[in-house]
Amino acid sequence: MIRVGILGTGFGENHAKLYKNIDGFEVVSIFGRNTDKLKKINEELGVPVTTDISEIVQNPAIDLLDICLPTELHAKWAVEGLKNNKHIFCETPLTYLLDEVDKIKQASMKYGKNVYVDMFIKFSAPHKTALMFAKKAELGKLISIASYNKTSARWGDLSIKKNIEEFHIHNMDFISEIAGVPENVTVSFKDFGSKSFITSVLDYKNVYAIMQSDSTLPECCPFGIGFELVFTEGIIKFDAIYGEYTKEDFYILQNGKQREVLPVESTDDYEETFKHVLLCLQNGVKSEIIDVENALNTIKIKEMILRSLNI
């Protein structure tokens, strides 16, 4: 049994629900500052709560520290958790700063504990299938990647810097898993206060990638996500909208004909991420896809984009 302590009651509440639904996890306690919210979580989920963060971070019975605090606090508490003999599961982005990633990485190595980052998009069934095909080169040589996401302002402030660090970064997670860190980045954007639109072109030696993140949609519009991978012998394409009306289209074309593939069943990306972490912990291994090293590549791309905009 992997015993979990959660820091934060925002995403932390959702994490607690997921842990409770997966055999192999036990939530020991949740930390938060809002006593009313803590009381609600305790009553609805039956999970112990605390306003004292040290009760969780220093608890020797806890194996995994789940960090759902504001991003600027991730590095501090990840390092503290590692010092206190805990593996770390951290919401994405892991941190805003490259030097903080290095501190987390060094602490992970020093204390012999693993860090897992909630780059959940890699566990979306279409993304996971596309990654598999890209790595096996079954459709020939990769030529280009395009990835997008779009939403209304339902997530709060997604002005240009927030868009890059909180929304655009999911495109980076996906593309960096396929192609790594680019040689150059070219960016264009429009900032509308709490909303923004950004297009980033990533230039690799033999591949180019285009990412778009749009937070300017009206409230009535559903959340949208998609990608297209172009190879010398075919393409992989995914388009989806989520809301009251959900639709997912995924297909692979090879030599002008639709290729027969196993059905891509819709899954809960977050749940699949948590199951992956559980499997890694049970086997005492790092993750090959959501380890701190994978997060590092994403943050390097993010930094290149910010520098190009002088932000």
C-alpha atoms as a PDB file:
ATOM      1  CA  MET A   1       0.000   0.000   0.000  1.00  0.00           C
ATOM      2  CA  ILE A   2       1.354   3.444  -0.991  1.00  0.00           C
ATOM      3  CA  ARG A   3       0.450   5.980   1.694  1.00  0.00           C
ATOM      4  CA  VAL A   4      -0.119   9.499   0.339  1.00  0.00           C
ATOM      5  CA  GLY A   5      -0.043  12.971   1.869  1.00  0.00           C
ATOM      6  CA  ILE A   6      -1.547  15.789  -0.215  1.00  0.00           C
ATOM      7  CA  LEU A   7      -0.554  19.463  -0.050  1.00  0.00           C
ATOM      8  CA  GLY A   8      -3.319  21.746  -1.319  1.00  0.00           C
ATOM      9  CA  THR A   9      -7.102  21.553  -1.586  1.00  0.00           C
ATOM     10  CA  GLY A  10      -7.617  22.818  -5.143  1.00  0.00           C
ATOM     11  CA  PHE A  11      -6.479  20.035  -7.451  1.00  0.00           C
ATOM     12  CA  GLY A  12      -5.688  18.199  -4.226  1.00  0.00           C
ATOM     13  CA  GLU A  13      -9.354  17.391  -3.659  1.00  0.00           C
ATOM     14  CA  ASN A  14      -9.584  15.832  -7.125  1.00  0.00           C
ATOM     15  CA  HIS A  15      -6.376  13.911  -6.504  1.00  0.00           C
ATOM     16  CA  ALA A  16      -7.790  12.548  -3.248  1.00  0.00           C
ATOM     17  CA  LYS A  17     -10.861  11.256  -5.092  1.00  0.00           C
ATOM     18  CA  LEU A  18      -8.666   9.510  -7.650  1.00  0.00           C
ATOM     19  CA  TYR A  19      -6.436   7.913  -5.022  1.00  0.00           C
ATOM     20  CA  LYS A  20      -9.477   6.574  -3.197  1.00  0.00           C
ATOM     21  CA  ASN A  21     -10.691   4.898  -6.405  1.00  0.00           C
ATOM     22  CA  ILE A  22      -7.392   3.132  -7.161  1.00  0.00           C
ATOM     23  CA  ASP A  23      -6.439  -0.009  -5.246  1.00  0.00           C
ATOM     24  CA  GLY A  24      -2.943   0.361  -3.847  1.00  0.00           C
ATOM     25  CA  PHE A  25      -3.181   3.946  -2.579  1.00  0.00           C
ATOM     26  CA  GLU A  26      -4.244   5.238   0.839  1.00  0.00           C
ATOM     27  CA  VAL A  27      -4.649   8.965   1.515  1.00  0.00           C
ATOM     28  CA  VAL A  28      -3.251   9.662   4.987  1.00  0.00           C
ATOM     29  CA  SER A  29      -4.021  13.391   5.168  1.00  0.00           C
ATOM     30  CA  ILE A  30      -4.631  16.576   3.185  1.00  0.00           C
ATOM     31  CA  PHE A  31      -3.137  19.955   4.046  1.00  0.00           C
ATOM     32  CA  GLY A  32      -4.922  23.217   3.359  1.00  0.00           C
ATOM     33  CA  ARG A  33      -5.447  26.713   4.749  1.00  0.00           C
ATOM     34  CA  ASN A  34      -9.196  27.022   4.203  1.00  0.00           C
ATOM     35  CA  THR A  35     -10.804  25.299   7.183  1.00  0.00           C
ATOM     36  CA  ASP A  36     -14.275  25.282   5.595  1.00  0.00           C
ATOM     37  CA  LYS A  37     -12.948  23.476   2.521  1.00  0.00           C
ATOM     38  CA  LEU A  38     -10.981  21.052   4.680  1.00  0.00           C
ATOM     39  CA  LYS A  39     -14.114  20.274   6.688  1.00  0.00           C
ATOM     40  CA  LYS A  40     -16.041  19.602   3.461  1.00  0.00           C
ATOM     41  CA  ILE A  41     -13.299  17.259   2.173  1.00  0.00           C
ATOM     42  CA  ASN A  42     -13.189  15.433   5.485  1.00  0.00           C
ATOM     43  CA  GLU A  43     -16.958  14.947   5.556  1.00  0.00           C
ATOM     44  CA  GLU A  44     -17.350  13.945   1.896  1.00  0.00           C
ATOM     45  CA  LEU A  45     -14.242  11.800   1.433  1.00  0.00           C
ATOM     46  CA  GLY A  46     -13.569  10.634   4.970  1.00  0.00           C
ATOM     47  CA  VAL A  47      -9.937  11.733   4.661  1.00  0.00           C
ATOM     48  CA  PRO A  48      -8.051  13.271   7.621  1.00  0.00           C
ATOM     49  CA  VAL A  49      -7.184  16.968   7.138  1.00  0.00           C
ATOM     50  CA  THR A  50      -4.742  19.417   8.690  1.00  0.00           C
ATOM     51  CA  THR A  51      -3.717  23.091   8.596  1.00  0.00           C
ATOM     52  CA  ASP A  52      -0.182  22.158   9.698  1.00  0.00           C
ATOM     53  CA  ILE A  53       1.914  21.305   6.639  1.00  0.00           C
ATOM     54  CA  SER A  54       4.660  19.748   8.764  1.00  0.00           C
ATOM     55  CA  GLU A  55       2.233  17.052   9.954  1.00  0.00           C
ATOM     56  CA  ILE A  56       2.325  15.687   6.415  1.00  0.00           C
ATOM     57  CA  VAL A  57       5.842  16.555   5.225  1.00  0.00           C
ATOM     58  CA  GLN A  58       7.478  15.134   8.352  1.00  0.00           C
ATOM     59  CA  ASN A  59       5.185  12.134   8.798  1.00  0.00           C
ATOM     60  CA  PRO A  60       7.410   9.013   8.439  1.00  0.00           C
ATOM     61  CA  ALA A  61       4.375   6.867   7.567  1.00  0.00           C
ATOM     62  CA  ILE A  62       3.801   8.744   4.284  1.00  0.00           C
ATOM     63  CA  ASP A  63       5.480   7.304   1.171  1.00  0.00           C
ATOM     64  CA  LEU A  64       4.343   9.781  -1.487  1.00  0.00           C
ATOM     65  CA  LEU A  65       3.971  13.553  -1.149  1.00  0.00           C
ATOM     66  CA  ASP A  66       1.457  14.943  -3.668  1.00  0.00           C
ATOM     67  CA  ILE A  67       2.050  18.660  -4.251  1.00  0.00           C
ATOM     68  CA  CYS A  68      -0.928  20.696  -5.464  1.00  0.00           C
ATOM     69  CA  LEU A  69       0.204  24.068  -4.130  1.00  0.00           C
ATOM     70  CA  PRO A  70       0.741  27.201  -6.285  1.00  0.00           C
ATOM     71  CA  THR A  71       3.573  26.567  -8.753  1.00  0.00           C
ATOM     72  CA  GLU A  72       5.951  29.024  -7.083  1.00  0.00           C
ATOM     73  CA  LEU A  73       5.881  26.774  -3.978  1.00  0.00           C
ATOM     74  CA  HIS A  74       6.482  23.466  -5.766  1.00  0.00           C
ATOM     75  CA  ALA A  75      10.283  23.443  -5.565  1.00  0.00           C
ATOM     76  CA  LYS A  76      10.440  24.329  -1.869  1.00  0.00           C
ATOM     77  CA  TRP A  77       8.102  21.572  -0.754  1.00  0.00           C
ATOM     78  CA  ALA A  78       9.376  19.009  -3.257  1.00  0.00           C
ATOM     79  CA  VAL A  79      12.876  19.379  -1.798  1.00  0.00           C
ATOM     80  CA  GLU A  80      11.498  19.273   1.767  1.00  0.00           C
ATOM     81  CA  GLY A  81       9.553  16.121   0.943  1.00  0.00           C
ATOM     82  CA  LEU A  82      12.620  14.455  -0.554  1.00  0.00           C
ATOM     83  CA  LYS A  83      14.651  15.371   2.532  1.00  0.00           C
ATOM     84  CA  ASN A  84      11.969  13.671   4.614  1.00  0.00           C
ATOM     85  CA  ASN A  85      12.282  10.381   2.718  1.00  0.00           C
ATOM     86  CA  LYS A  86       9.271  10.771   0.432  1.00  0.00           C
ATOM     87  CA  HIS A  87       8.725  10.253  -3.252  1.00  0.00           C
ATOM     88  CA  ILE A  88       7.139  13.279  -4.951  1.00  0.00           C
ATOM     89  CA  PHE A  89       4.150  13.576  -7.263  1.00  0.00           C
ATOM     90  CA  CYS A  90       3.854  17.188  -8.386  1.00  0.00           C
ATOM     91  CA  GLU A  91       1.258  19.032 -10.403  1.00  0.00           C
ATOM     92  CA  THR A  92       2.411  20.477 -13.704  1.00  0.00           C
ATOM     93  CA  PRO A  93       4.249  22.714 -14.282  1.00  0.00           C
ATOM     94  CA  LEU A  94       6.867  21.334 -11.918  1.00  0.00           C
ATOM     95  CA  THR A  95       8.239  24.848 -11.462  1.00  0.00           C
ATOM     96  CA  TYR A  96       8.651  28.086 -13.377  1.00  0.00           C
ATOM     97  CA  LEU A  97      12.451  28.234 -13.054  1.00  0.00           C
ATOM     98  CA  LEU A  98      15.211  26.046 -14.484  1.00  0.00           C
ATOM     99  CA  ASP A  99      17.473  26.413 -11.445  1.00  0.00           C
ATOM    100  CA  GLU A 100      14.653  25.103  -9.239  1.00  0.00           C
ATOM    101  CA  VAL A 101      14.355  22.026 -11.446  1.00  0.00           C
ATOM    102  CA  ASP A 102      18.043  21.377 -10.856  1.00  0.00           C
ATOM    103  CA  LYS A 103      17.558  21.697  -7.071  1.00  0.00           C
ATOM    104  CA  ILE A 104      14.736  19.133  -7.203  1.00  0.00           C
ATOM    105  CA  LYS A 105      16.799  16.825  -9.405  1.00  0.00           C
ATOM    106  CA  GLN A 106      19.826  17.035  -7.097  1.00  0.00           C
ATOM    107  CA  ALA A 107      17.675  16.379  -4.021  1.00  0.00           C
ATOM    108  CA  SER A 108      16.060  13.398  -5.736  1.00  0.00           C
ATOM    109  CA  MET A 109      19.498  11.912  -6.400  1.00  0.00           C
ATOM    110  CA  LYS A 110      20.858  12.761  -2.939  1.00  0.00           C
ATOM    111  CA  TYR A 111      17.979  11.210  -0.995  1.00  0.00           C
ATOM    112  CA  GLY A 112      17.289   8.335  -3.382  1.00  0.00           C
ATOM    113  CA  LYS A 113      13.649   9.192  -3.990  1.00  0.00           C
ATOM    114  CA  ASN A 114      11.767   9.618  -7.266  1.00  0.00           C
ATOM    115  CA  VAL A 115       9.933  12.645  -8.613  1.00  0.00           C
ATOM    116  CA  TYR A 116       6.885  12.216 -10.842  1.00  0.00           C
ATOM    117  CA  VAL A 117       5.303  15.185 -12.627  1.00  0.00           C
ATOM    118  CA  ASP A 118       1.616  15.203 -13.568  1.00  0.00           C
ATOM    119  CA  MET A 119       2.159  15.520 -17.333  1.00  0.00           C
ATOM    120  CA  PHE A 120      -1.183  13.796 -17.790  1.00  0.00           C
ATOM    121  CA  ILE A 121      -1.567  14.574 -21.487  1.00  0.00           C
ATOM    122  CA  LYS A 122       0.916  11.780 -22.242  1.00  0.00           C
ATOM    123  CA  PHE A 123      -1.667   9.314 -20.896  1.00  0.00           C
ATOM    124  CA  SER A 124      -4.458  10.486 -23.156  1.00  0.00           C
ATOM    125  CA  ALA A 125      -5.191   7.436 -25.321  1.00  0.00           C
ATOM    126  CA  PRO A 126      -4.751   9.306 -28.660  1.00  0.00           C
ATOM    127  CA  HIS A 127      -1.541  11.007 -27.513  1.00  0.00           C
ATOM    128  CA  LYS A 128      -0.187   7.740 -26.126  1.00  0.00           C
ATOM    129  CA  THR A 129      -0.955   5.931 -29.393  1.00  0.00           C
ATOM    130  CA  ALA A 130       0.650   8.704 -31.456  1.00  0.00           C
ATOM    131  CA  LEU A 131       3.774   8.609 -29.293  1.00  0.00           C
ATOM    132  CA  MET A 132       4.014   4.860 -29.801  1.00  0.00           C
ATOM    133  CA  PHE A 133       3.814   5.182 -33.600  1.00  0.00           C
ATOM    134  CA  ALA A 134       6.287   8.065 -33.642  1.00  0.00           C
ATOM    135  CA  LYS A 135       8.885   6.163 -31.621  1.00  0.00           C
ATOM    136  CA  LYS A 136       8.506   2.977 -33.674  1.00  0.00           C
ATOM    137  CA  ALA A 137       8.742   4.917 -36.966  1.00  0.00           C
ATOM    138  CA  GLU A 138       6.057   2.683 -38.474  1.00  0.00           C
ATOM    139  CA  LEU A 139       4.918   5.500 -40.769  1.00  0.00           C
ATOM    140  CA  GLY A 140       8.383   6.454 -41.927  1.00  0.00           C
ATOM    141  CA  LYS A 141      10.363   9.528 -41.017  1.00  0.00           C
ATOM    142  CA  LEU A 142       8.655  12.246 -38.987  1.00  0.00           C
ATOM    143  CA  ILE A 143       8.354  15.531 -40.879  1.00  0.00           C
ATOM    144  CA  SER A 144       6.225  17.810 -38.691  1.00  0.00           C
ATOM    145  CA  ILE A 145       4.100  18.045 -35.559  1.00  0.00           C
ATOM    146  CA  ALA A 146       1.176  20.360 -34.899  1.00  0.00           C
ATOM    147  CA  SER A 147      -0.551  20.568 -31.524  1.00  0.00           C
ATOM    148  CA  TYR A 148      -3.276  22.869 -30.233  1.00  0.00           C
ATOM    149  CA  ASN A 149      -5.556  23.522 -27.300  1.00  0.00           C
ATOM    150  CA  LYS A 150      -8.276  26.147 -26.946  1.00  0.00           C
ATOM    151  CA  THR A 151     -10.670  27.224 -24.253  1.00  0.00           C
ATOM    152  CA  SER A 152     -12.810  30.020 -22.912  1.00  0.00           C
ATOM    153  CA  ALA A 153     -11.583  31.932 -19.866  1.00  0.00           C
ATOM    154  CA  ARG A 154     -13.168  29.366 -17.545  1.00  0.00           C
ATOM    155  CA  TRP A 155      -9.765  28.576 -15.998  1.00  0.00           C
ATOM    156  CA  GLY A 156      -9.200  32.155 -14.803  1.00  0.00           C
ATOM    157  CA  ASP A 157      -6.352  34.382 -15.935  1.00  0.00           C
ATOM    158  CA  LEU A 158      -4.770  33.070 -19.131  1.00  0.00           C
ATOM    159  CA  SER A 159      -3.039  36.234 -20.256  1.00  0.00           C
ATOM    160  CA  ILE A 160       0.053  35.612 -22.338  1.00  0.00           C
ATOM    161  CA  LYS A 161       2.565  34.699 -19.574  1.00  0.00           C
ATOM    162  CA  LYS A 162       0.005  32.558 -17.747  1.00  0.00           C
ATOM    163  CA  ASN A 163      -1.036  30.995 -21.038  1.00  0.00           C
ATOM    164  CA  ILE A 164       2.560  29.998 -21.768  1.00  0.00           C
ATOM    165  CA  GLU A 165       3.258  28.664 -18.266  1.00  0.00           C
ATOM    166  CA  GLU A 166      -0.063  26.979 -17.496  1.00  0.00           C
ATOM    167  CA  PHE A 167      -1.775  26.116 -20.814  1.00  0.00           C
ATOM    168  CA  HIS A 168       0.701  26.193 -23.711  1.00  0.00           C
ATOM    169  CA  ILE A 169       2.977  23.971 -21.625  1.00  0.00           C
ATOM    170  CA  HIS A 170       0.783  20.912 -22.244  1.00  0.00           C
ATOM    171  CA  ASN A 171       1.616  21.157 -25.951  1.00  0.00           C
ATOM    172  CA  MET A 172       5.284  21.340 -24.952  1.00  0.00           C
ATOM    173  CA  ASP A 173       4.926  18.198 -22.808  1.00  0.00           C
ATOM    174  CA  PHE A 174       3.663  16.255 -25.822  1.00  0.00           C
ATOM    175  CA  ILE A 175       6.065  17.610 -28.427  1.00  0.00           C
ATOM    176  CA  SER A 176       9.157  17.377 -26.205  1.00  0.00           C
ATOM    177  CA  GLU A 177       8.401  13.696 -25.605  1.00  0.00           C
ATOM    178  CA  ILE A 178       8.639  13.125 -29.369  1.00  0.00           C
ATOM    179  CA  ALA A 179      11.334  15.561 -30.462  1.00  0.00           C
ATOM    180  CA  GLY A 180      13.145  16.876 -27.385  1.00  0.00           C
ATOM    181  CA  VAL A 181      14.349  20.486 -27.145  1.00  0.00           C
ATOM    182  CA  PRO A 182      14.382  22.529 -30.386  1.00  0.00           C
ATOM    183  CA  GLU A 183      17.291  24.517 -31.768  1.00  0.00           C
ATOM    184  CA  ASN A 184      15.235  27.677 -32.221  1.00  0.00           C
ATOM    185  CA  VAL A 185      11.777  29.034 -31.401  1.00  0.00           C
ATOM    186  CA  THR A 186       9.701  31.666 -33.231  1.00  0.00           C
ATOM    187  CA  VAL A 187       6.637  33.060 -31.495  1.00  0.00           C
ATOM    188  CA  SER A 188       3.678  35.280 -32.334  1.00  0.00           C
ATOM    189  CA  PHE A 189       0.866  36.227 -29.964  1.00  0.00           C
ATOM    190  CA  LYS A 190      -2.026  38.500 -29.067  1.00  0.00           C
ATOM    191  CA  ASP A 191      -2.692  39.455 -25.455  1.00  0.00           C
ATOM    192  CA  PHE A 192      -6.161  40.585 -24.420  1.00  0.00           C
ATOM    193  CA  GLY A 193      -5.701  41.036 -20.673  1.00  0.00           C
ATOM    194  CA  SER A 194      -6.961  37.834 -19.063  1.00  0.00           C
ATOM    195  CA  LYS A 195      -7.154  36.102 -22.476  1.00  0.00           C
ATOM    196  CA  SER A 196      -4.506  35.451 -25.122  1.00  0.00           C
ATOM    197  CA  PHE A 197      -3.553  33.581 -28.266  1.00  0.00           C
ATOM    198  CA  ILE A 198      -0.066  32.232 -28.957  1.00  0.00           C
ATOM    199  CA  THR A 199       1.573  30.345 -31.810  1.00  0.00           C
ATOM    200  CA  SER A 200       5.051  28.885 -31.339  1.00  0.00           C
ATOM    201  CA  VAL A 201       7.112  27.324 -34.127  1.00  0.00           C
ATOM    202  CA  LEU A 202       9.815  24.951 -32.880  1.00  0.00           C
ATOM    203  CA  ASP A 203      12.709  24.362 -35.247  1.00  0.00           C
ATOM    204  CA  TYR A 204      14.539  21.036 -34.937  1.00  0.00           C
ATOM    205  CA  LYS A 205      17.326  19.770 -37.157  1.00  0.00           C
ATOM    206  CA  ASN A 206      15.072  17.598 -39.338  1.00  0.00           C
ATOM    207  CA  VAL A 207      11.593  18.323 -37.965  1.00  0.00           C
ATOM    208  CA  TYR A 208       9.481  21.363 -37.223  1.00  0.00           C
ATOM    209  CA  ALA A 209       6.602  21.714 -34.796  1.00  0.00           C
ATOM    210  CA  ILE A 210       3.771  24.237 -34.450  1.00  0.00           C
ATOM    211  CA  MET A 211       1.937  24.778 -31.169  1.00  0.00           C
ATOM    212  CA  GLN A 212      -1.138  26.952 -30.641  1.00  0.00           C
ATOM    213  CA  SER A 213      -2.909  27.803 -27.390  1.00  0.00           C
ATOM    214  CA  ASP A 214      -6.021  29.967 -27.469  1.00  0.00           C
ATOM    215  CA  SER A 215      -7.859  31.178 -24.354  1.00  0.00           C
ATOM    216  CA  THR A 216     -10.076  33.704 -26.181  1.00  0.00           C
ATOM    217  CA  LEU A 217     -13.100  31.503 -26.941  1.00  0.00           C
ATOM    218  CA  PRO A 218     -16.509  32.705 -25.723  1.00  0.00           C
ATOM    219  CA  GLU A 219     -18.016  31.062 -22.640  1.00  0.00           C
ATOM    220  CA  CYS A 220     -20.420  28.964 -24.730  1.00  0.00           C
ATOM    221  CA  CYS A 221     -17.605  27.121 -26.521  1.00  0.00           C
ATOM    222  CA  PRO A 222     -16.313  23.715 -25.383  1.00  0.00           C
ATOM    223  CA  PHE A 223     -12.696  22.952 -24.549  1.00  0.00           C
ATOM    224  CA  GLY A 224     -10.788  21.764 -27.620  1.00  0.00           C
ATOM    225  CA  ILE A 225      -7.577  19.841 -28.154  1.00  0.00           C
ATOM    226  CA  GLY A 226      -5.858  18.155 -31.071  1.00  0.00           C
ATOM    227  CA  PHE A 227      -2.698  17.302 -32.958  1.00  0.00           C
ATOM    228  CA  GLU A 228      -1.381  16.147 -36.322  1.00  0.00           C
ATOM    229  CA  LEU A 229       1.840  14.219 -36.942  1.00  0.00           C
ATOM    230  CA  VAL A 230       3.041  14.099 -40.541  1.00  0.00           C
ATOM    231  CA  PHE A 231       5.391  11.321 -41.628  1.00  0.00           C
ATOM    232  CA  THR A 232       6.911  10.396 -44.983  1.00  0.00           C
ATOM    233  CA  GLU A 233       4.386   7.553 -45.330  1.00  0.00           C
ATOM    234  CA  GLY A 234       1.314   8.810 -43.544  1.00  0.00           C
ATOM    235  CA  ILE A 235      -0.285  11.023 -40.909  1.00  0.00           C
ATOM    236  CA  ILE A 236      -1.805  10.666 -37.444  1.00  0.00           C
ATOM    237  CA  LYS A 237      -4.561  13.118 -36.609  1.00  0.00           C
ATOM    238  CA  PHE A 238      -6.657  13.798 -33.505  1.00  0.00           C
ATOM    239  CA  ASP A 239      -9.361  16.413 -32.931  1.00  0.00           C
ATOM    240  CA  ALA A 240     -11.632  16.621 -29.913  1.00  0.00           C
ATOM    241  CA  ILE A 241     -14.031  18.884 -28.057  1.00  0.00           C
ATOM    242  CA  TYR A 242     -15.170  18.374 -24.481  1.00  0.00           C
ATOM    243  CA  GLY A 243     -18.178  19.785 -22.679  1.00  0.00           C
ATOM    244  CA  GLU A 244     -21.898  19.156 -22.832  1.00  0.00           C
ATOM    245  CA  TYR A 245     -21.222  17.736 -26.270  1.00  0.00           C
ATOM    246  CA  THR A 246     -18.054  15.643 -26.479  1.00  0.00           C
ATOM    247  CA  LYS A 247     -16.585  14.387 -29.720  1.00  0.00           C
ATOM    248  CA  GLU A 248     -13.246  12.676 -30.411  1.00  0.00           C
ATOM    249  CA  ASP A 249     -11.879  11.892 -33.873  1.00  0.00           C
ATOM    250  CA  PHE A 250      -8.669   9.899 -34.206  1.00  0.00           C
ATOM    251  CA  TYR A 251      -7.306   8.296 -37.345  1.00  0.00           C
ATOM    252  CA  ILE A 252      -4.132   7.139 -39.068  1.00  0.00           C
ATOM    253  CA  LEU A 253      -3.661   7.384 -42.817  1.00  0.00           C
ATOM    254  CA  GLN A 254      -0.899   5.401 -44.491  1.00  0.00           C
ATOM    255  CA  ASN A 255      -0.188   5.659 -48.216  1.00  0.00           C
ATOM    256  CA  GLY A 256      -3.524   7.408 -48.729  1.00  0.00           C
ATOM    257  CA  LYS A 257      -5.601   4.758 -46.965  1.00  0.00           C
ATOM    258  CA  GLN A 258      -6.920   4.566 -43.428  1.00  0.00           C
ATOM    259  CA  ARG A 259      -4.836   2.144 -41.442  1.00  0.00           C
ATOM    260  CA  GLU A 260      -6.459  -0.462 -39.257  1.00  0.00           C
ATOM    261  CA  VAL A 261      -5.482   0.153 -35.643  1.00  0.00           C
ATOM    262  CA  LEU A 262      -6.815  -0.973 -32.311  1.00  0.00           C
ATOM    263  CA  PRO A 263      -9.736   1.212 -31.216  1.00  0.00           C
ATOM    264  CA  VAL A 264      -8.612   4.221 -29.209  1.00  0.00           C
ATOM    265  CA  GLU A 265     -10.844   4.057 -26.173  1.00  0.00           C
ATOM    266  CA  SER A 266     -11.486   7.204 -24.172  1.00  0.00           C
ATOM    267  CA  THR A 267      -9.774   7.004 -20.773  1.00  0.00           C
ATOM    268  CA  ASP A 268      -9.370   9.270 -17.762  1.00  0.00           C
ATOM    269  CA  ASP A 269      -5.924  10.766 -18.400  1.00  0.00           C
ATOM    270  CA  TYR A 270      -5.432  11.647 -14.736  1.00  0.00           C
ATOM    271  CA  GLU A 271      -6.395   8.186 -13.524  1.00  0.00           C
ATOM    272  CA  GLU A 272      -4.016   6.575 -16.008  1.00  0.00           C
ATOM    273  CA  THR A 273      -1.243   8.891 -14.775  1.00  0.00           C
ATOM    274  CA  PHE A 274      -1.862   7.877 -11.162  1.00  0.00           C
ATOM    275  CA  LYS A 275      -1.883   4.190 -12.075  1.00  0.00           C
ATOM    276  CA  HIS A 276       1.447   4.687 -13.836  1.00  0.00           C
ATOM    277  CA  VAL A 277       2.918   6.290 -10.706  1.00  0.00           C
ATOM    278  CA  LEU A 278       1.604   3.408  -8.591  1.00  0.00           C
ATOM    279  CA  LEU A 279       3.234   0.855 -10.894  1.00  0.00           C
ATOM    280  CA  CYS A 280       6.546   2.737 -10.787  1.00  0.00           C
ATOM    281  CA  LEU A 281       6.459   2.917  -6.984  1.00  0.00           C
ATOM    282  CA  GLN A 282       5.540  -0.740  -6.607  1.00  0.00           C
ATOM    283  CA  ASN A 283       8.510  -1.661  -8.793  1.00  0.00           C
ATOM    284  CA  GLY A 284      10.877   0.897  -7.272  1.00  0.00           C
ATOM    285  CA  VAL A 285      11.649   2.651 -10.562  1.00  0.00           C
ATOM    286  CA  LYS A 286      11.620   6.104 -12.075  1.00  0.00           C
ATOM    287  CA  SER A 287       9.162   6.939 -14.811  1.00  0.00           C
ATOM    288  CA  GLU A 288      10.446   7.020 -18.367  1.00  0.00           C
ATOM    289  CA  ILE A 289       7.935   9.705 -19.372  1.00  0.00           C
ATOM    290  CA  ILE A 290       6.988  11.861 -16.358  1.00  0.00           C
ATOM    291  CA  ASP A 291      10.285  11.962 -14.483  1.00  0.00           C
ATOM    292  CA  VAL A 292      11.927  15.276 -13.566  1.00  0.00           C
ATOM    293  CA  GLU A 293      14.146  14.950 -16.674  1.00  0.00           C
ATOM    294  CA  ASN A 294      11.072  14.991 -18.924  1.00  0.00           C
ATOM    295  CA  ALA A 295       9.747  18.045 -17.112  1.00  0.00           C
ATOM    296  CA  LEU A 296      13.138  19.703 -17.574  1.00  0.00           C
ATOM    297  CA  ASN A 297      12.847  19.533 -21.374  1.00  0.00           C
ATOM    298  CA  THR A 298       9.423  21.138 -21.221  1.00  0.00           C
ATOM    299  CA  ILE A 299      10.658  23.988 -19.036  1.00  0.00           C
ATOM    300  CA  LYS A 300      13.625  24.556 -21.354  1.00  0.00           C
ATOM    301  CA  ILE A 301      11.199  25.053 -24.244  1.00  0.00           C
ATOM    302  CA  LYS A 302       9.058  27.353 -22.107  1.00  0.00           C
ATOM    303  CA  GLU A 303      12.127  29.449 -21.260  1.00  0.00           C
ATOM    304  CA  MET A 304      13.022  29.722 -24.961  1.00  0.00           C
ATOM    305  CA  ILE A 305       9.518  31.014 -25.678  1.00  0.00           C
ATOM    306  CA  LEU A 306       9.614  33.574 -22.855  1.00  0.00           C
ATOM    307  CA  ARG A 307      13.040  34.809 -23.960  1.00  0.00           C
ATOM    308  CA  SER A 308      11.805  35.249 -27.507  1.00  0.00           C
ATOM    309  CA  LEU A 309       9.082  37.536 -26.142  1.00  0.00           C
ATOM    310  CA  ASN A 310      11.426  39.310 -23.676  1.00  0.00           C
ATOM    311  CA  ILE A 311       9.135  38.311 -20.810  1.00  0.00           C
END
